[in-house]
């Protein structure tokens, strides 16, 4: 029996479940969500910056 099997057997004996796979998947989902939010705000900031950098063309009514 290798050390991983001994570890799993000990966890099972003590009544614990090995949740490393689920934990890893949860961390990956969280990282994807954070990345999506960061990307959204970066794009929004770029759009705002680009819009504010354009020269303001205000039409004046000439009489």
PDB file of N, CA and C in Angstrom:
ATOM      1  N   UNK A   1       0.857  -1.184   0.000  1.00  0.00           N
ATOM      2  CA  UNK A   1       0.000   0.000   0.000  1.00  0.00           C
ATOM      3  C   UNK A   1       0.897   1.238   0.000  1.00  0.00           C
ATOM      4  N   UNK A   2       0.670   2.124  -0.938  1.00  0.00           N
ATOM      5  CA  UNK A   2       1.489   3.342  -0.989  1.00  0.00           C
ATOM      6  C   UNK A   2       0.962   4.380  -0.001  1.00  0.00           C
ATOM      7  N   UNK A   3       1.675   5.472   0.110  1.00  0.00           N
ATOM      8  CA  UNK A   3       1.335   6.480   1.120  1.00  0.00           C
ATOM      9  C   UNK A   3      -0.020   7.124   0.851  1.00  0.00           C
ATOM     10  N   UNK A   4      -0.395   7.297  -0.424  1.00  0.00           N
ATOM     11  CA  UNK A   4      -1.695   7.888  -0.744  1.00  0.00           C
ATOM     12  C   UNK A   4      -2.827   6.977  -0.272  1.00  0.00           C
ATOM     13  N   UNK A   5      -2.673   5.686  -0.500  1.00  0.00           N
ATOM     14  CA  UNK A   5      -3.699   4.729  -0.058  1.00  0.00           C
ATOM     15  C   UNK A   5      -3.765   4.691   1.462  1.00  0.00           C
ATOM     16  N   UNK A   6      -2.607   4.753   2.128  1.00  0.00           N
ATOM     17  CA  UNK A   6      -2.593   4.784   3.593  1.00  0.00           C
ATOM     18  C   UNK A   6      -3.296   6.037   4.108  1.00  0.00           C
ATOM     19  N   UNK A   7      -3.037   7.153   3.456  1.00  0.00           N
ATOM     20  CA  UNK A   7      -3.663   8.420   3.833  1.00  0.00           C
ATOM     21  C   UNK A   7      -5.175   8.329   3.687  1.00  0.00           C
ATOM     22  N   UNK A   8      -5.640   7.814   2.542  1.00  0.00           N
ATOM     23  CA  UNK A   8      -7.082   7.681   2.314  1.00  0.00           C
ATOM     24  C   UNK A   8      -7.717   6.702   3.297  1.00  0.00           C
ATOM     25  N   UNK A   9      -7.022   5.612   3.614  1.00  0.00           N
ATOM     26  CA  UNK A   9      -7.543   4.637   4.574  1.00  0.00           C
ATOM     27  C   UNK A   9      -7.652   5.258   5.960  1.00  0.00           C
ATOM     28  N   UNK A  10      -6.661   6.041   6.332  1.00  0.00           N
ATOM     29  CA  UNK A  10      -6.689   6.707   7.636  1.00  0.00           C
ATOM     30  C   UNK A  10      -7.822   7.719   7.707  1.00  0.00           C
ATOM     31  N   UNK A  11      -8.013   8.497   6.632  1.00  0.00           N
ATOM     32  CA  UNK A  11      -9.131   9.441   6.601  1.00  0.00           C
ATOM     33  C   UNK A  11     -10.462   8.718   6.726  1.00  0.00           C
ATOM     34  N   UNK A  12     -10.620   7.621   5.996  1.00  0.00           N
ATOM     35  CA  UNK A  12     -11.869   6.859   6.048  1.00  0.00           C
ATOM     36  C   UNK A  12     -12.086   6.291   7.452  1.00  0.00           C
ATOM     37  N   UNK A  13     -11.016   5.812   8.071  1.00  0.00           N
ATOM     38  CA  UNK A  13     -11.119   5.256   9.421  1.00  0.00           C
ATOM     39  C   UNK A  13     -11.577   6.318  10.415  1.00  0.00           C
ATOM     40  N   UNK A  14     -11.088   7.530  10.252  1.00  0.00           N
ATOM     41  CA  UNK A  14     -11.445   8.621  11.158  1.00  0.00           C
ATOM     42  C   UNK A  14     -12.761   9.278  10.788  1.00  0.00           C
ATOM     43  N   UNK A  15     -13.340   8.894   9.651  1.00  0.00           N
ATOM     44  CA  UNK A  15     -14.625   9.436   9.257  1.00  0.00           C
ATOM     45  C   UNK A  15     -14.529  10.708   8.419  1.00  0.00           C
ATOM     46  N   UNK A  16     -13.345  11.013   7.921  1.00  0.00           N
ATOM     47  CA  UNK A  16     -13.167  12.189   7.083  1.00  0.00           C
ATOM     48  C   UNK A  16     -13.209  11.797   5.612  1.00  0.00           C
ATOM     49  N   UNK A  17     -13.682  12.706   4.795  1.00  0.00           N
ATOM     50  CA  UNK A  17     -13.702  12.473   3.351  1.00  0.00           C
ATOM     51  C   UNK A  17     -12.612  13.333   2.710  1.00  0.00           C
ATOM     52  N   UNK A  18     -11.963  12.776   1.718  1.00  0.00           N
ATOM     53  CA  UNK A  18     -10.929  13.512   0.991  1.00  0.00           C
ATOM     54  C   UNK A  18     -11.617  14.422  -0.021  1.00  0.00           C
ATOM     55  N   UNK A  19     -11.533  15.720   0.194  1.00  0.00           N
ATOM     56  CA  UNK A  19     -12.245  16.675  -0.658  1.00  0.00           C
ATOM     57  C   UNK A  19     -11.287  17.491  -1.519  1.00  0.00           C
ATOM     58  N   UNK A  20     -10.082  16.986  -1.754  1.00  0.00           N
ATOM     59  CA  UNK A  20      -9.105  17.767  -2.505  1.00  0.00           C
ATOM     60  C   UNK A  20      -9.577  18.051  -3.928  1.00  0.00           C
ATOM     61  N   UNK A  21     -10.236  17.096  -4.566  1.00  0.00           N
ATOM     62  CA  UNK A  21     -10.708  17.293  -5.937  1.00  0.00           C
ATOM     63  C   UNK A  21     -11.787  18.369  -5.972  1.00  0.00           C
ATOM     64  N   UNK A  22     -12.744  18.294  -5.043  1.00  0.00           N
ATOM     65  CA  UNK A  22     -13.808  19.290  -4.985  1.00  0.00           C
ATOM     66  C   UNK A  22     -13.246  20.666  -4.640  1.00  0.00           C
ATOM     67  N   UNK A  23     -12.284  20.707  -3.717  1.00  0.00           N
ATOM     68  CA  UNK A  23     -11.668  21.984  -3.344  1.00  0.00           C
ATOM     69  C   UNK A  23     -10.958  22.614  -4.534  1.00  0.00           C
ATOM     70  N   UNK A  24     -10.253  21.786  -5.285  1.00  0.00           N
ATOM     71  CA  UNK A  24      -9.542  22.282  -6.458  1.00  0.00           C
ATOM     72  C   UNK A  24     -10.528  22.842  -7.490  1.00  0.00           C
ATOM     73  N   UNK A  25     -11.622  22.126  -7.724  1.00  0.00           N
ATOM     74  CA  UNK A  25     -12.634  22.583  -8.685  1.00  0.00           C
ATOM     75  C   UNK A  25     -13.263  23.894  -8.204  1.00  0.00           C
ATOM     76  N   UNK A  26     -13.519  23.996  -6.912  1.00  0.00           N
ATOM     77  CA  UNK A  26     -14.101  25.219  -6.348  1.00  0.00           C
ATOM     78  C   UNK A  26     -13.153  26.397  -6.532  1.00  0.00           C
ATOM     79  N   UNK A  27     -11.856  26.181  -6.274  1.00  0.00           N
ATOM     80  CA  UNK A  27     -10.875  27.258  -6.461  1.00  0.00           C
ATOM     81  C   UNK A  27     -10.785  27.676  -7.923  1.00  0.00           C
ATOM     82  N   UNK A  28     -10.859  26.707  -8.838  1.00  0.00           N
ATOM     83  CA  UNK A  28     -10.821  27.050 -10.261  1.00  0.00           C
ATOM     84  C   UNK A  28     -12.036  27.867 -10.671  1.00  0.00           C
ATOM     85  N   UNK A  29     -13.225  27.483 -10.184  1.00  0.00           N
ATOM     86  CA  UNK A  29     -14.441  28.251 -10.508  1.00  0.00           C
ATOM     87  C   UNK A  29     -14.332  29.668  -9.963  1.00  0.00           C
ATOM     88  N   UNK A  30     -13.848  29.795  -8.731  1.00  0.00           N
ATOM     89  CA  UNK A  30     -13.699  31.114  -8.125  1.00  0.00           C
ATOM     90  C   UNK A  30     -12.697  31.958  -8.921  1.00  0.00           C
ATOM     91  N   UNK A  31     -11.600  31.354  -9.345  1.00  0.00           N
ATOM     92  CA  UNK A  31     -10.590  32.080 -10.116  1.00  0.00           C
ATOM     93  C   UNK A  31     -11.163  32.544 -11.455  1.00  0.00           C
ATOM     94  N   UNK A  32     -11.982  31.689 -12.094  1.00  0.00           N
ATOM     95  CA  UNK A  32     -12.602  32.087 -13.368  1.00  0.00           C
ATOM     96  C   UNK A  32     -13.554  33.251 -13.161  1.00  0.00           C
ATOM     97  N   UNK A  33     -14.336  33.220 -12.070  1.00  0.00           N
ATOM     98  CA  UNK A  33     -15.265  34.318 -11.789  1.00  0.00           C
ATOM     99  C   UNK A  33     -14.517  35.618 -11.527  1.00  0.00           C
ATOM    100  N   UNK A  34     -13.461  35.543 -10.739  1.00  0.00           N
ATOM    101  CA  UNK A  34     -12.670  36.738 -10.433  1.00  0.00           C
ATOM    102  C   UNK A  34     -12.054  37.283 -11.708  1.00  0.00           C
ATOM    103  N   UNK A  35     -11.534  36.398 -12.551  1.00  0.00           N
ATOM    104  CA  UNK A  35     -10.933  36.837 -13.810  1.00  0.00           C
ATOM    105  C   UNK A  35     -11.969  37.531 -14.693  1.00  0.00           C
ATOM    106  N   UNK A  36     -13.191  36.995 -14.745  1.00  0.00           N
ATOM    107  CA  UNK A  36     -14.250  37.597 -15.553  1.00  0.00           C
ATOM    108  C   UNK A  36     -14.616  38.983 -15.034  1.00  0.00           C
ATOM    109  N   UNK A  37     -14.699  39.129 -13.718  1.00  0.00           N
ATOM    110  CA  UNK A  37     -15.042  40.431 -13.132  1.00  0.00           C
ATOM    111  C   UNK A  37     -13.932  41.442 -13.398  1.00  0.00           C
ATOM    112  N   UNK A  38     -12.682  41.014 -13.232  1.00  0.00           N
ATOM    113  CA  UNK A  38     -11.555  41.912 -13.480  1.00  0.00           C
ATOM    114  C   UNK A  38     -11.544  42.348 -14.939  1.00  0.00           C
ATOM    115  N   UNK A  39     -11.763  41.416 -15.848  1.00  0.00           N
ATOM    116  CA  UNK A  39     -11.798  41.739 -17.271  1.00  0.00           C
ATOM    117  C   UNK A  39     -12.919  42.717 -17.578  1.00  0.00           C
ATOM    118  N   UNK A  40     -14.089  42.504 -16.985  1.00  0.00           N
ATOM    119  CA  UNK A  40     -15.221  43.408 -17.195  1.00  0.00           C
ATOM    120  C   UNK A  40     -14.859  44.833 -16.783  1.00  0.00           C
ATOM    121  N   UNK A  41     -14.292  44.985 -15.582  1.00  0.00           N
ATOM    122  CA  UNK A  41     -13.966  46.319 -15.104  1.00  0.00           C
ATOM    123  C   UNK A  41     -12.835  46.957 -15.906  1.00  0.00           C
ATOM    124  N   UNK A  42     -11.869  46.144 -16.345  1.00  0.00           N
ATOM    125  CA  UNK A  42     -10.798  46.694 -17.184  1.00  0.00           C
ATOM    126  C   UNK A  42     -11.377  47.230 -18.488  1.00  0.00           C
ATOM    127  N   UNK A  43     -12.261  46.455 -19.106  1.00  0.00           N
ATOM    128  CA  UNK A  43     -12.876  46.893 -20.364  1.00  0.00           C
ATOM    129  C   UNK A  43     -13.747  48.128 -20.151  1.00  0.00           C
ATOM    130  N   UNK A  44     -14.486  48.151 -19.055  1.00  0.00           N
ATOM    131  CA  UNK A  44     -15.322  49.313 -18.756  1.00  0.00           C
ATOM    132  C   UNK A  44     -14.448  50.545 -18.540  1.00  0.00           C
ATOM    133  N   UNK A  45     -13.355  50.387 -17.820  1.00  0.00           N
ATOM    134  CA  UNK A  45     -12.449  51.502 -17.570  1.00  0.00           C
ATOM    135  C   UNK A  45     -11.840  52.007 -18.877  1.00  0.00           C
ATOM    136  N   UNK A  46     -11.436  51.076 -19.746  1.00  0.00           N
ATOM    137  CA  UNK A  46     -10.867  51.469 -21.040  1.00  0.00           C
ATOM    138  C   UNK A  46     -11.894  52.234 -21.865  1.00  0.00           C
ATOM    139  N   UNK A  47     -13.151  51.775 -21.865  1.00  0.00           N
ATOM    140  CA  UNK A  47     -14.203  52.438 -22.631  1.00  0.00           C
ATOM    141  C   UNK A  47     -14.463  53.843 -22.096  1.00  0.00           C
ATOM    142  N   UNK A  48     -14.497  53.974 -20.783  1.00  0.00           N
ATOM    143  CA  UNK A  48     -14.721  55.288 -20.174  1.00  0.00           C
ATOM    144  C   UNK A  48     -13.551  56.219 -20.491  1.00  0.00           C
ATOM    145  N   UNK A  49     -12.345  55.686 -20.372  1.00  0.00           N
ATOM    146  CA  UNK A  49     -11.150  56.490 -20.647  1.00  0.00           C
ATOM    147  C   UNK A  49     -11.122  56.922 -22.113  1.00  0.00           C
ATOM    148  N   UNK A  50     -11.479  56.001 -22.997  1.00  0.00           N
ATOM    149  CA  UNK A  50     -11.493  56.319 -24.429  1.00  0.00           C
ATOM    150  C   UNK A  50     -12.553  57.376 -24.740  1.00  0.00           C
ATOM    151  N   UNK A  51     -13.720  57.244 -24.115  1.00  0.00           N
ATOM    152  CA  UNK A  51     -14.800  58.201 -24.360  1.00  0.00           C
ATOM    153  C   UNK A  51     -14.438  59.583 -23.825  1.00  0.00           C
ATOM    154  N   UNK A  52     -13.768  59.611 -22.686  1.00  0.00           N
ATOM    155  CA  UNK A  52     -13.429  60.913 -22.110  1.00  0.00           C
ATOM    156  C   UNK A  52     -12.232  61.539 -22.808  1.00  0.00           C
ATOM    157  N   UNK A  53     -11.432  60.743 -23.515  1.00  0.00           N
ATOM    158  CA  UNK A  53     -10.264  61.274 -24.214  1.00  0.00           C
ATOM    159  C   UNK A  53     -10.634  61.913 -25.548  1.00  0.00           C
ATOM    160  N   UNK A  54     -11.798  61.545 -26.082  1.00  0.00           N
ATOM    161  CA  UNK A  54     -12.241  62.134 -27.348  1.00  0.00           C
ATOM    162  C   UNK A  54     -12.523  63.616 -27.161  1.00  0.00           C
ATOM    163  N   UNK A  55     -12.164  64.435 -28.124  1.00  0.00           N
ATOM    164  CA  UNK A  55     -12.469  65.869 -27.985  1.00  0.00           C
ATOM    165  C   UNK A  55     -13.982  66.080 -27.976  1.00  0.00           C
ATOM    166  N   UNK A  56     -14.382  66.936 -27.115  1.00  0.00           N
ATOM    167  CA  UNK A  56     -15.810  67.213 -26.986  1.00  0.00           C
ATOM    168  C   UNK A  56     -16.242  68.136 -28.116  1.00  0.00           C
ATOM    169  N   UNK A  57     -17.144  67.681 -28.907  1.00  0.00           N
ATOM    170  CA  UNK A  57     -17.668  68.475 -30.013  1.00  0.00           C
ATOM    171  C   UNK A  57     -19.080  68.932 -29.656  1.00  0.00           C
ATOM    172  N   UNK A  58     -19.185  70.107 -29.157  1.00  0.00           N
ATOM    173  CA  UNK A  58     -20.483  70.635 -28.818  1.00  0.00           C
ATOM    174  C   UNK A  58     -20.917  71.578 -29.943  1.00  0.00           C
ATOM    175  N   UNK A  59     -22.050  71.241 -30.508  1.00  0.00           N
ATOM    176  CA  UNK A  59     -22.555  72.100 -31.587  1.00  0.00           C
ATOM    177  C   UNK A  59     -23.139  73.377 -31.019  1.00  0.00           C
ATOM    178  N   UNK A  60     -22.779  74.504 -31.612  1.00  0.00           N
ATOM    179  CA  UNK A  60     -23.321  75.783 -31.150  1.00  0.00           C
ATOM    180  C   UNK A  60     -24.334  76.268 -32.197  1.00  0.00           C
ATOM    181  N   UNK A  61     -25.427  76.692 -31.697  1.00  0.00           N
ATOM    182  CA  UNK A  61     -26.450  77.236 -32.612  1.00  0.00           C
ATOM    183  C   UNK A  61     -26.022  78.646 -33.019  1.00  0.00           C
ATOM    184  N   UNK A  62     -25.917  78.839 -34.295  1.00  0.00           N
ATOM    185  CA  UNK A  62     -25.544  80.188 -34.739  1.00  0.00           C
ATOM    186  C   UNK A  62     -26.812  80.927 -35.172  1.00  0.00           C
ATOM    187  N   UNK A  63     -26.949  82.112 -34.739  1.00  0.00           N
ATOM    188  CA  UNK A  63     -28.125  82.917 -35.062  1.00  0.00           C
ATOM    189  C   UNK A  63     -27.833  83.852 -36.182  1.00  0.00           C
TER     190      UNK A  63
END
